[in-house]
Amino acid sequence: MKKQNSPLRVVFAGTPEFALPPLQTLIEEGCHIVAVLTQPDRPAGRGKQLRASPVKQLALEKGLEVLQPESLKNAVWLEKLADLKPDLMVVVAYGLMIPAQLLDLPPLGCWNIHASLLPRWRGAAPIHRAIEAGDEQTGVCIMQIELTLDTGPVYHCLSTTIGSLDTAGVLHDRLAVMGARALKHCIELVMQGELPQPVVQDDTQAIYAPKLSKAEAELDWNETAEVLQRKVRAFNPWPVAWCELGGQRLRIWKAEVVDNIADVQPGQIIVEQQSLIIGTVEKSLKILEIQRAGGQRMTAEQFLNAQNPRDW
């Protein structure tokens, strides 16, 4: 690879907040961002007003051209992107499939920032599944995109420890910054003409990270307290773990594992010293933050002050 003597011409494709640090990094690195692809404006909020994506908002602030195709398979869009003559396309949580014609368009190919240590956790929800599974480490990878899901060879990875209190939201924000740092490293190597050949993934080690659903966020007291506490963290801030107590559906935002106070059965509720504790098959789960349907998040103590435990 030759040393680059002029700014890289980059097409950036991304939609949510996770993509903002990488886009900002490309701008700071002096790349010539010839276009920013992001999903069309979607209805949001109670009024269902059309809302621009976080990436669109940042791109417009920086005076970048924004393109919002419903699909990239349309020949008109492919021709428009070809006319831009990009050296590289960077894709971060874009949300649309990249067709083969576009993958082959830039000389440097299409890179993706993936929020796991590939090949572990390919798919839509790698951050959440890593927490849910009890992984001690996760990270980000700069990967060359292929037509098959998250299977491309990897240029560079950064890792981080998953803390015992880390939620998906906390880890999301940390990995977004790490993804930008990993991207910066690879861009610098390209400019110096020193980008190495990417490492092919070992498919035998791959695990799929399926999209989250609200149904799977229900807490099953026939699981262990440790498993349930990980689920609470993995599904915070969405879809949020939930359960039913006293005929109420309650969202559980924060919890911790505690030893059984007595011979507690799975699902049995113990209220002691303004603490709300629920039995599981192994140890118990102490609820720390809770929310009624339509209400505000509150501490377990605040919740108990407004309840009559006899109703349960």
C-alpha atoms as a PDB file:
ATOM      1  CA  MET A   1       0.000   0.000   0.000  1.00  0.00           C
ATOM      2  CA  LYS A   2       1.298   3.436  -0.969  1.00  0.00           C
ATOM      3  CA  LYS A   3       1.432   6.390   1.398  1.00  0.00           C
ATOM      4  CA  GLN A   4      -1.546   8.726   0.906  1.00  0.00           C
ATOM      5  CA  ASN A   5      -0.589  12.261  -0.090  1.00  0.00           C
ATOM      6  CA  SER A   6      -4.114  13.663  -0.192  1.00  0.00           C
ATOM      7  CA  PRO A   7      -7.091  13.414   2.199  1.00  0.00           C
ATOM      8  CA  LEU A   8      -9.089  10.213   1.977  1.00  0.00           C
ATOM      9  CA  ARG A   9     -12.413  10.562   0.190  1.00  0.00           C
ATOM     10  CA  VAL A  10     -14.852   8.869   2.554  1.00  0.00           C
ATOM     11  CA  VAL A  11     -18.534   7.986   2.408  1.00  0.00           C
ATOM     12  CA  PHE A  12     -19.840   7.615   5.964  1.00  0.00           C
ATOM     13  CA  ALA A  13     -22.973   5.565   6.701  1.00  0.00           C
ATOM     14  CA  GLY A  14     -24.539   5.619  10.164  1.00  0.00           C
ATOM     15  CA  THR A  15     -27.712   6.486  12.012  1.00  0.00           C
ATOM     16  CA  PRO A  16     -27.785   6.421  15.866  1.00  0.00           C
ATOM     17  CA  GLU A  17     -25.678   8.060  18.566  1.00  0.00           C
ATOM     18  CA  PHE A  18     -23.198   5.169  18.515  1.00  0.00           C
ATOM     19  CA  ALA A  19     -22.016   6.459  15.121  1.00  0.00           C
ATOM     20  CA  LEU A  20     -21.325  10.037  16.263  1.00  0.00           C
ATOM     21  CA  PRO A  21     -17.797   9.618  17.728  1.00  0.00           C
ATOM     22  CA  PRO A  22     -16.504   7.845  14.574  1.00  0.00           C
ATOM     23  CA  LEU A  23     -17.970  10.535  12.311  1.00  0.00           C
ATOM     24  CA  GLN A  24     -16.422  13.244  14.471  1.00  0.00           C
ATOM     25  CA  THR A  25     -13.081  11.433  14.306  1.00  0.00           C
ATOM     26  CA  LEU A  26     -13.123  11.291  10.496  1.00  0.00           C
ATOM     27  CA  ILE A  27     -13.752  15.038  10.449  1.00  0.00           C
ATOM     28  CA  GLU A  28     -10.918  15.701  12.923  1.00  0.00           C
ATOM     29  CA  GLU A  29      -8.539  13.464  10.960  1.00  0.00           C
ATOM     30  CA  GLY A  30      -8.996  15.695   7.917  1.00  0.00           C
ATOM     31  CA  CYS A  31     -10.802  13.145   5.758  1.00  0.00           C
ATOM     32  CA  HIS A  32     -12.809  14.525   2.859  1.00  0.00           C
ATOM     33  CA  ILE A  33     -16.278  13.215   3.688  1.00  0.00           C
ATOM     34  CA  VAL A  34     -17.952  13.291   0.297  1.00  0.00           C
ATOM     35  CA  ALA A  35     -21.342  12.171   1.640  1.00  0.00           C
ATOM     36  CA  VAL A  36     -23.081  10.980   4.787  1.00  0.00           C
ATOM     37  CA  LEU A  37     -25.661   8.233   4.428  1.00  0.00           C
ATOM     38  CA  THR A  38     -28.267   7.896   7.156  1.00  0.00           C
ATOM     39  CA  GLN A  39     -31.731   6.419   7.398  1.00  0.00           C
ATOM     40  CA  PRO A  40     -34.739   8.569   6.438  1.00  0.00           C
ATOM     41  CA  ASP A  41     -36.313  10.727   9.138  1.00  0.00           C
ATOM     42  CA  ARG A  42     -38.674   8.643  11.280  1.00  0.00           C
ATOM     43  CA  PRO A  43     -41.711   9.534  13.455  1.00  0.00           C
ATOM     44  CA  ALA A  44     -40.681   9.859  17.106  1.00  0.00           C
ATOM     45  CA  GLY A  45     -42.076  11.057  20.423  1.00  0.00           C
ATOM     46  CA  ARG A  46     -45.685  11.342  21.516  1.00  0.00           C
ATOM     47  CA  GLY A  47     -46.537  13.618  18.622  1.00  0.00           C
ATOM     48  CA  LYS A  48     -44.971  11.226  16.089  1.00  0.00           C
ATOM     49  CA  GLN A  49     -43.230  14.125  14.387  1.00  0.00           C
ATOM     50  CA  LEU A  50     -40.504  13.274  11.892  1.00  0.00           C
ATOM     51  CA  ARG A  51     -37.107  13.377  13.577  1.00  0.00           C
ATOM     52  CA  ALA A  52     -33.683  13.451  11.968  1.00  0.00           C
ATOM     53  CA  SER A  53     -31.194  10.834  13.086  1.00  0.00           C
ATOM     54  CA  PRO A  54     -28.320  11.884  15.378  1.00  0.00           C
ATOM     55  CA  VAL A  55     -25.911  11.344  12.464  1.00  0.00           C
ATOM     56  CA  LYS A  56     -27.939  13.598  10.178  1.00  0.00           C
ATOM     57  CA  GLN A  57     -28.007  16.323  12.811  1.00  0.00           C
ATOM     58  CA  LEU A  58     -24.217  16.254  13.249  1.00  0.00           C
ATOM     59  CA  ALA A  59     -23.590  16.071   9.500  1.00  0.00           C
ATOM     60  CA  LEU A  60     -25.744  19.130   8.841  1.00  0.00           C
ATOM     61  CA  GLU A  61     -23.989  21.020  11.643  1.00  0.00           C
ATOM     62  CA  LYS A  62     -20.673  20.291   9.906  1.00  0.00           C
ATOM     63  CA  GLY A  63     -21.967  21.270   6.465  1.00  0.00           C
ATOM     64  CA  LEU A  64     -21.741  17.758   5.022  1.00  0.00           C
ATOM     65  CA  GLU A  65     -23.942  16.410   2.248  1.00  0.00           C
ATOM     66  CA  VAL A  66     -26.602  14.075   3.652  1.00  0.00           C
ATOM     67  CA  LEU A  67     -28.213  11.295   1.623  1.00  0.00           C
ATOM     68  CA  GLN A  68     -31.195   9.321   2.960  1.00  0.00           C
ATOM     69  CA  PRO A  69     -32.139   6.465   0.623  1.00  0.00           C
ATOM     70  CA  GLU A  70     -34.790   3.959   1.675  1.00  0.00           C
ATOM     71  CA  SER A  71     -32.599   1.292   0.057  1.00  0.00           C
ATOM     72  CA  LEU A  72     -29.136   1.179  -1.480  1.00  0.00           C
ATOM     73  CA  LYS A  73     -30.166  -1.361  -4.113  1.00  0.00           C
ATOM     74  CA  ASN A  74     -31.574   1.368  -6.353  1.00  0.00           C
ATOM     75  CA  ALA A  75     -29.324   1.919  -9.379  1.00  0.00           C
ATOM     76  CA  VAL A  76     -29.750   5.693  -9.118  1.00  0.00           C
ATOM     77  CA  TRP A  77     -28.200   5.738  -5.633  1.00  0.00           C
ATOM     78  CA  LEU A  78     -25.390   3.415  -6.656  1.00  0.00           C
ATOM     79  CA  GLU A  79     -24.573   5.644  -9.613  1.00  0.00           C
ATOM     80  CA  LYS A  80     -24.593   8.736  -7.400  1.00  0.00           C
ATOM     81  CA  LEU A  81     -22.189   7.122  -4.929  1.00  0.00           C
ATOM     82  CA  ALA A  82     -19.942   5.957  -7.761  1.00  0.00           C
ATOM     83  CA  ASP A  83     -19.767   9.529  -9.055  1.00  0.00           C
ATOM     84  CA  LEU A  84     -18.385  10.613  -5.663  1.00  0.00           C
ATOM     85  CA  LYS A  85     -15.323   8.374  -6.224  1.00  0.00           C
ATOM     86  CA  PRO A  86     -14.792   7.437  -2.555  1.00  0.00           C
ATOM     87  CA  ASP A  87     -11.545   5.815  -1.426  1.00  0.00           C
ATOM     88  CA  LEU A  88     -13.322   4.242   1.541  1.00  0.00           C
ATOM     89  CA  MET A  89     -16.770   3.711   2.994  1.00  0.00           C
ATOM     90  CA  VAL A  90     -17.164   3.571   6.804  1.00  0.00           C
ATOM     91  CA  VAL A  91     -20.352   1.976   8.144  1.00  0.00           C
ATOM     92  CA  VAL A  92     -21.414   2.312  11.795  1.00  0.00           C
ATOM     93  CA  ALA A  93     -24.855   1.049  12.886  1.00  0.00           C
ATOM     94  CA  TYR A  94     -26.368   2.237   9.611  1.00  0.00           C
ATOM     95  CA  GLY A  95     -29.297  -0.180   9.541  1.00  0.00           C
ATOM     96  CA  LEU A  96     -29.476  -0.877   5.797  1.00  0.00           C
ATOM     97  CA  MET A  97     -27.883  -3.693   3.813  1.00  0.00           C
ATOM     98  CA  ILE A  98     -24.844  -2.747   1.715  1.00  0.00           C
ATOM     99  CA  PRO A  99     -25.169  -4.343  -1.761  1.00  0.00           C
ATOM    100  CA  ALA A 100     -22.266  -6.100  -3.461  1.00  0.00           C
ATOM    101  CA  GLN A 101     -21.871  -3.333  -6.058  1.00  0.00           C
ATOM    102  CA  LEU A 102     -21.218  -0.819  -3.299  1.00  0.00           C
ATOM    103  CA  LEU A 103     -18.846  -3.104  -1.374  1.00  0.00           C
ATOM    104  CA  ASP A 104     -16.637  -3.292  -4.444  1.00  0.00           C
ATOM    105  CA  LEU A 105     -16.780   0.432  -5.244  1.00  0.00           C
ATOM    106  CA  PRO A 106     -14.145   2.057  -2.962  1.00  0.00           C
ATOM    107  CA  PRO A 107     -10.526   0.902  -3.482  1.00  0.00           C
ATOM    108  CA  LEU A 108     -10.137   0.432   0.297  1.00  0.00           C
ATOM    109  CA  GLY A 109     -13.494  -1.302   0.550  1.00  0.00           C
ATOM    110  CA  CYS A 110     -16.185  -0.795   3.175  1.00  0.00           C
ATOM    111  CA  TRP A 111     -15.251  -0.872   6.854  1.00  0.00           C
ATOM    112  CA  ASN A 112     -17.609  -1.558   9.724  1.00  0.00           C
ATOM    113  CA  ILE A 113     -17.143  -0.739  13.408  1.00  0.00           C
ATOM    114  CA  HIS A 114     -18.614  -3.709  15.250  1.00  0.00           C
ATOM    115  CA  ALA A 115     -19.213  -3.618  19.019  1.00  0.00           C
ATOM    116  CA  SER A 116     -17.797  -6.995  20.019  1.00  0.00           C
ATOM    117  CA  LEU A 117     -14.582  -8.978  19.851  1.00  0.00           C
ATOM    118  CA  LEU A 118     -15.316 -10.855  16.653  1.00  0.00           C
ATOM    119  CA  PRO A 119     -16.085 -13.611  15.892  1.00  0.00           C
ATOM    120  CA  ARG A 120     -17.950 -13.593  19.223  1.00  0.00           C
ATOM    121  CA  TRP A 121     -21.351 -11.918  19.048  1.00  0.00           C
ATOM    122  CA  ARG A 122     -22.076 -11.349  15.398  1.00  0.00           C
ATOM    123  CA  GLY A 123     -25.460  -9.757  14.844  1.00  0.00           C
ATOM    124  CA  ALA A 124     -27.759  -6.995  16.005  1.00  0.00           C
ATOM    125  CA  ALA A 125     -27.242  -6.859  19.787  1.00  0.00           C
ATOM    126  CA  PRO A 126     -23.612  -7.674  20.650  1.00  0.00           C
ATOM    127  CA  ILE A 127     -23.364  -5.286  23.615  1.00  0.00           C
ATOM    128  CA  HIS A 128     -26.452  -6.640  25.347  1.00  0.00           C
ATOM    129  CA  ARG A 129     -25.677 -10.297  24.693  1.00  0.00           C
ATOM    130  CA  ALA A 130     -22.157  -9.990  26.063  1.00  0.00           C
ATOM    131  CA  ILE A 131     -23.516  -8.666  29.369  1.00  0.00           C
ATOM    132  CA  GLU A 132     -26.352 -11.187  29.463  1.00  0.00           C
ATOM    133  CA  ALA A 133     -23.929 -14.081  28.923  1.00  0.00           C
ATOM    134  CA  GLY A 134     -21.626 -12.921  31.701  1.00  0.00           C
ATOM    135  CA  ASP A 135     -18.639 -12.181  29.447  1.00  0.00           C
ATOM    136  CA  GLU A 136     -15.725 -10.602  31.278  1.00  0.00           C
ATOM    137  CA  GLN A 137     -14.377  -8.841  28.169  1.00  0.00           C
ATOM    138  CA  THR A 138     -15.797  -7.191  25.086  1.00  0.00           C
ATOM    139  CA  GLY A 139     -14.589  -4.555  22.657  1.00  0.00           C
ATOM    140  CA  VAL A 140     -14.751  -3.119  19.157  1.00  0.00           C
ATOM    141  CA  CYS A 141     -13.400  -4.319  15.827  1.00  0.00           C
ATOM    142  CA  ILE A 142     -12.708  -2.592  12.517  1.00  0.00           C
ATOM    143  CA  MET A 143     -13.903  -5.142   9.982  1.00  0.00           C
ATOM    144  CA  GLN A 144     -13.985  -5.310   6.185  1.00  0.00           C
ATOM    145  CA  ILE A 145     -17.637  -5.797   5.255  1.00  0.00           C
ATOM    146  CA  GLU A 146     -18.721  -8.886   3.345  1.00  0.00           C
ATOM    147  CA  LEU A 147     -22.170  -9.858   2.093  1.00  0.00           C
ATOM    148  CA  THR A 148     -22.638 -12.313   4.967  1.00  0.00           C
ATOM    149  CA  LEU A 149     -23.379 -10.932   8.434  1.00  0.00           C
ATOM    150  CA  ASP A 150     -20.310  -9.723  10.374  1.00  0.00           C
ATOM    151  CA  THR A 151     -18.037 -12.359   8.807  1.00  0.00           C
ATOM    152  CA  GLY A 152     -15.427 -10.088   7.217  1.00  0.00           C
ATOM    153  CA  PRO A 153     -11.726 -10.052   8.083  1.00  0.00           C
ATOM    154  CA  VAL A 154     -10.638  -7.783  10.928  1.00  0.00           C
ATOM    155  CA  TYR A 155      -8.038  -4.996  10.783  1.00  0.00           C
ATOM    156  CA  HIS A 156      -7.893  -3.905  14.406  1.00  0.00           C
ATOM    157  CA  CYS A 157      -9.558  -4.557  17.787  1.00  0.00           C
ATOM    158  CA  LEU A 158      -9.664  -2.808  21.145  1.00  0.00           C
ATOM    159  CA  SER A 159     -10.904  -4.587  24.269  1.00  0.00           C
ATOM    160  CA  THR A 160     -12.417  -3.512  27.578  1.00  0.00           C
ATOM    161  CA  THR A 161     -13.481  -5.229  30.789  1.00  0.00           C
ATOM    162  CA  ILE A 162     -17.208  -5.527  31.449  1.00  0.00           C
ATOM    163  CA  GLY A 163     -17.664  -4.217  34.980  1.00  0.00           C
ATOM    164  CA  SER A 164     -20.034  -5.889  37.429  1.00  0.00           C
ATOM    165  CA  LEU A 165     -22.278  -2.797  37.382  1.00  0.00           C
ATOM    166  CA  ASP A 166     -22.042  -1.977  33.665  1.00  0.00           C
ATOM    167  CA  THR A 167     -25.387  -1.658  31.911  1.00  0.00           C
ATOM    168  CA  ALA A 168     -25.851  -1.892  28.171  1.00  0.00           C
ATOM    169  CA  GLY A 169     -26.200   1.890  28.101  1.00  0.00           C
ATOM    170  CA  VAL A 170     -22.926   2.480  29.937  1.00  0.00           C
ATOM    171  CA  LEU A 171     -21.067  -0.040  27.788  1.00  0.00           C
ATOM    172  CA  HIS A 172     -22.622   1.383  24.600  1.00  0.00           C
ATOM    173  CA  ASP A 173     -21.187   4.833  25.311  1.00  0.00           C
ATOM    174  CA  ARG A 174     -17.748   3.448  26.181  1.00  0.00           C
ATOM    175  CA  LEU A 175     -17.580   1.307  23.040  1.00  0.00           C
ATOM    176  CA  ALA A 176     -18.690   4.199  20.818  1.00  0.00           C
ATOM    177  CA  VAL A 177     -15.631   6.175  21.933  1.00  0.00           C
ATOM    178  CA  MET A 178     -13.405   3.114  21.588  1.00  0.00           C
ATOM    179  CA  GLY A 179     -14.738   2.536  18.078  1.00  0.00           C
ATOM    180  CA  ALA A 180     -13.706   6.052  17.111  1.00  0.00           C
ATOM    181  CA  ARG A 181     -10.236   5.440  18.557  1.00  0.00           C
ATOM    182  CA  ALA A 182      -9.851   2.171  16.641  1.00  0.00           C
ATOM    183  CA  LEU A 183     -10.994   3.881  13.440  1.00  0.00           C
ATOM    184  CA  LYS A 184      -8.475   6.680  13.938  1.00  0.00           C
ATOM    185  CA  HIS A 185      -5.684   4.104  14.295  1.00  0.00           C
ATOM    186  CA  CYS A 186      -6.625   2.430  11.013  1.00  0.00           C
ATOM    187  CA  ILE A 187      -6.985   5.728   9.136  1.00  0.00           C
ATOM    188  CA  GLU A 188      -3.497   6.741  10.305  1.00  0.00           C
ATOM    189  CA  LEU A 189      -2.092   3.433   9.034  1.00  0.00           C
ATOM    190  CA  VAL A 190      -3.744   3.997   5.653  1.00  0.00           C
ATOM    191  CA  MET A 191      -2.288   7.489   5.374  1.00  0.00           C
ATOM    192  CA  GLN A 192       1.175   6.100   6.186  1.00  0.00           C
ATOM    193  CA  GLY A 193       0.757   3.263   3.695  1.00  0.00           C
ATOM    194  CA  GLU A 194       1.111   0.728   6.502  1.00  0.00           C
ATOM    195  CA  LEU A 195      -2.361  -0.846   6.843  1.00  0.00           C
ATOM    196  CA  PRO A 196      -1.773  -4.601   7.315  1.00  0.00           C
ATOM    197  CA  GLN A 197      -3.791  -7.371   5.737  1.00  0.00           C
ATOM    198  CA  PRO A 198      -6.922  -8.037   7.816  1.00  0.00           C
ATOM    199  CA  VAL A 199      -7.140 -11.244   9.852  1.00  0.00           C
ATOM    200  CA  VAL A 200      -9.733 -13.784   8.727  1.00  0.00           C
ATOM    201  CA  GLN A 201     -12.261 -14.705  11.425  1.00  0.00           C
ATOM    202  CA  ASP A 202     -12.511 -18.213  12.846  1.00  0.00           C
ATOM    203  CA  ASP A 203     -16.107 -19.093  12.030  1.00  0.00           C
ATOM    204  CA  THR A 204     -16.092 -22.003  14.471  1.00  0.00           C
ATOM    205  CA  GLN A 205     -15.904 -19.493  17.350  1.00  0.00           C
ATOM    206  CA  ALA A 206     -18.810 -17.352  16.147  1.00  0.00           C
ATOM    207  CA  ILE A 207     -21.875 -16.734  18.322  1.00  0.00           C
ATOM    208  CA  TYR A 208     -24.985 -14.965  17.069  1.00  0.00           C
ATOM    209  CA  ALA A 209     -26.379 -11.954  18.974  1.00  0.00           C
ATOM    210  CA  PRO A 210     -30.087 -11.740  18.054  1.00  0.00           C
ATOM    211  CA  LYS A 211     -32.149  -8.582  18.245  1.00  0.00           C
ATOM    212  CA  LEU A 212     -33.750  -7.846  21.621  1.00  0.00           C
ATOM    213  CA  SER A 213     -37.456  -8.285  22.331  1.00  0.00           C
ATOM    214  CA  LYS A 214     -39.687  -7.019  25.130  1.00  0.00           C
ATOM    215  CA  ALA A 215     -40.956 -10.534  25.825  1.00  0.00           C
ATOM    216  CA  GLU A 216     -37.525 -11.911  26.719  1.00  0.00           C
ATOM    217  CA  ALA A 217     -37.006  -9.094  29.236  1.00  0.00           C
ATOM    218  CA  GLU A 218     -39.485 -10.718  31.642  1.00  0.00           C
ATOM    219  CA  LEU A 219     -37.706 -11.958  34.756  1.00  0.00           C
ATOM    220  CA  ASP A 220     -38.163 -15.657  35.496  1.00  0.00           C
ATOM    221  CA  TRP A 221     -37.631 -16.341  39.189  1.00  0.00           C
ATOM    222  CA  ASN A 222     -36.768 -19.962  38.359  1.00  0.00           C
ATOM    223  CA  GLU A 223     -33.424 -18.695  37.103  1.00  0.00           C
ATOM    224  CA  THR A 224     -30.521 -17.784  39.394  1.00  0.00           C
ATOM    225  CA  ALA A 225     -30.142 -14.324  40.884  1.00  0.00           C
ATOM    226  CA  GLU A 226     -26.873 -13.853  39.003  1.00  0.00           C
ATOM    227  CA  VAL A 227     -28.530 -14.598  35.654  1.00  0.00           C
ATOM    228  CA  LEU A 228     -31.390 -12.231  36.446  1.00  0.00           C
ATOM    229  CA  GLN A 229     -29.071  -9.427  37.561  1.00  0.00           C
ATOM    230  CA  ARG A 230     -27.167  -9.716  34.286  1.00  0.00           C
ATOM    231  CA  LYS A 231     -30.457  -9.541  32.398  1.00  0.00           C
ATOM    232  CA  VAL A 232     -31.418  -6.365  34.278  1.00  0.00           C
ATOM    233  CA  ARG A 233     -28.129  -4.777  33.229  1.00  0.00           C
ATOM    234  CA  ALA A 234     -28.265  -6.092  29.655  1.00  0.00           C
ATOM    235  CA  PHE A 235     -31.763  -4.708  29.026  1.00  0.00           C
ATOM    236  CA  ASN A 236     -31.060  -1.253  30.483  1.00  0.00           C
ATOM    237  CA  PRO A 237     -31.956   1.174  28.871  1.00  0.00           C
ATOM    238  CA  TRP A 238     -34.102  -0.936  26.460  1.00  0.00           C
ATOM    239  CA  PRO A 239     -36.361  -2.893  26.600  1.00  0.00           C
ATOM    240  CA  VAL A 240     -35.895  -2.852  30.430  1.00  0.00           C
ATOM    241  CA  ALA A 241     -36.342  -5.996  32.518  1.00  0.00           C
ATOM    242  CA  TRP A 242     -39.834  -6.428  33.971  1.00  0.00           C
ATOM    243  CA  CYS A 243     -41.915  -8.599  36.249  1.00  0.00           C
ATOM    244  CA  GLU A 244     -45.355  -8.701  37.828  1.00  0.00           C
ATOM    245  CA  LEU A 245     -45.794  -8.087  41.567  1.00  0.00           C
ATOM    246  CA  GLY A 246     -49.200  -7.831  43.209  1.00  0.00           C
ATOM    247  CA  GLY A 247     -50.925  -7.665  39.847  1.00  0.00           C
ATOM    248  CA  GLN A 248     -48.737  -4.764  38.695  1.00  0.00           C
ATOM    249  CA  ARG A 249     -46.280  -4.898  35.816  1.00  0.00           C
ATOM    250  CA  LEU A 250     -43.083  -3.287  37.066  1.00  0.00           C
ATOM    251  CA  ARG A 251     -39.886  -2.372  35.268  1.00  0.00           C
ATOM    252  CA  ILE A 252     -36.666  -3.257  37.080  1.00  0.00           C
ATOM    253  CA  TRP A 253     -33.853  -0.823  36.335  1.00  0.00           C
ATOM    254  CA  LYS A 254     -31.271  -1.880  38.879  1.00  0.00           C
ATOM    255  CA  ALA A 255     -30.764  -4.886  41.140  1.00  0.00           C
ATOM    256  CA  GLU A 256     -28.088  -6.786  43.014  1.00  0.00           C
ATOM    257  CA  VAL A 257     -27.488 -10.369  44.091  1.00  0.00           C
ATOM    258  CA  VAL A 258     -27.789 -11.093  47.829  1.00  0.00           C
ATOM    259  CA  ASP A 259     -27.641 -14.206  49.961  1.00  0.00           C
ATOM    260  CA  ASN A 260     -30.977 -15.658  51.021  1.00  0.00           C
ATOM    261  CA  ILE A 261     -32.243 -14.139  54.257  1.00  0.00           C
ATOM    262  CA  ALA A 262     -34.373 -17.204  55.011  1.00  0.00           C
ATOM    263  CA  ASP A 263     -35.722 -20.255  53.222  1.00  0.00           C
ATOM    264  CA  VAL A 264     -36.969 -18.123  50.335  1.00  0.00           C
ATOM    265  CA  GLN A 265     -38.706 -19.818  47.413  1.00  0.00           C
ATOM    266  CA  PRO A 266     -38.403 -18.659  43.771  1.00  0.00           C
ATOM    267  CA  GLY A 267     -40.665 -15.652  43.307  1.00  0.00           C
ATOM    268  CA  GLN A 268     -41.288 -15.174  47.026  1.00  0.00           C
ATOM    269  CA  ILE A 269     -41.183 -11.512  48.083  1.00  0.00           C
ATOM    270  CA  ILE A 270     -39.404 -10.420  51.248  1.00  0.00           C
ATOM    271  CA  VAL A 271     -39.732  -6.859  52.543  1.00  0.00           C
ATOM    272  CA  GLU A 272     -37.183  -6.171  55.250  1.00  0.00           C
ATOM    273  CA  GLN A 273     -35.750  -2.865  56.497  1.00  0.00           C
ATOM    274  CA  GLN A 274     -37.183  -0.984  53.501  1.00  0.00           C
ATOM    275  CA  SER A 275     -35.558  -3.481  51.126  1.00  0.00           C
ATOM    276  CA  LEU A 276     -37.423  -5.399  48.408  1.00  0.00           C
ATOM    277  CA  ILE A 277     -35.954  -8.867  47.902  1.00  0.00           C
ATOM    278  CA  ILE A 278     -37.245 -11.653  45.657  1.00  0.00           C
ATOM    279  CA  GLY A 279     -36.215 -15.276  45.868  1.00  0.00           C
ATOM    280  CA  THR A 280     -34.720 -17.232  42.960  1.00  0.00           C
ATOM    281  CA  VAL A 281     -33.445 -20.798  42.562  1.00  0.00           C
ATOM    282  CA  GLU A 282     -30.038 -19.660  43.796  1.00  0.00           C
ATOM    283  CA  LYS A 283     -29.629 -16.666  46.131  1.00  0.00           C
ATOM    284  CA  SER A 284     -32.011 -13.713  45.901  1.00  0.00           C
ATOM    285  CA  LEU A 285     -32.390 -10.540  43.878  1.00  0.00           C
ATOM    286  CA  LYS A 286     -32.521  -7.246  45.760  1.00  0.00           C
ATOM    287  CA  ILE A 287     -34.397  -4.621  43.755  1.00  0.00           C
ATOM    288  CA  LEU A 288     -32.716  -1.205  43.854  1.00  0.00           C
ATOM    289  CA  GLU A 289     -34.589   0.852  41.220  1.00  0.00           C
ATOM    290  CA  ILE A 290     -38.111   0.158  40.002  1.00  0.00           C
ATOM    291  CA  GLN A 291     -40.833   1.797  37.899  1.00  0.00           C
ATOM    292  CA  ARG A 292     -44.601   1.382  37.749  1.00  0.00           C
ATOM    293  CA  ALA A 293     -46.350   1.477  34.378  1.00  0.00           C
ATOM    294  CA  GLY A 294     -46.664   5.122  33.417  1.00  0.00           C
ATOM    295  CA  GLY A 295     -44.715   6.238  36.482  1.00  0.00           C
ATOM    296  CA  GLN A 296     -41.239   7.501  37.248  1.00  0.00           C
ATOM    297  CA  ARG A 297     -38.155   5.512  38.128  1.00  0.00           C
ATOM    298  CA  MET A 298     -37.712   5.337  41.875  1.00  0.00           C
ATOM    299  CA  THR A 299     -35.702   3.580  44.532  1.00  0.00           C
ATOM    300  CA  ALA A 300     -37.100   0.434  46.079  1.00  0.00           C
ATOM    301  CA  GLU A 301     -37.524   2.317  49.356  1.00  0.00           C
ATOM    302  CA  GLN A 302     -39.648   4.994  47.657  1.00  0.00           C
ATOM    303  CA  PHE A 303     -41.698   2.280  46.009  1.00  0.00           C
ATOM    304  CA  LEU A 304     -42.297   0.458  49.290  1.00  0.00           C
ATOM    305  CA  ASN A 305     -43.347   3.654  51.025  1.00  0.00           C
ATOM    306  CA  ALA A 306     -46.199   3.915  48.521  1.00  0.00           C
ATOM    307  CA  GLN A 307     -47.213   0.242  48.758  1.00  0.00           C
ATOM    308  CA  ASN A 308     -48.915  -2.074  51.198  1.00  0.00           C
ATOM    309  CA  PRO A 309     -46.900  -5.306  51.086  1.00  0.00           C
ATOM    310  CA  ARG A 310     -49.976  -7.174  52.350  1.00  0.00           C
ATOM    311  CA  ASP A 311     -51.483  -6.605  48.902  1.00  0.00           C
ATOM    312  CA  TRP A 312     -48.950  -9.078  47.543  1.00  0.00           C
END
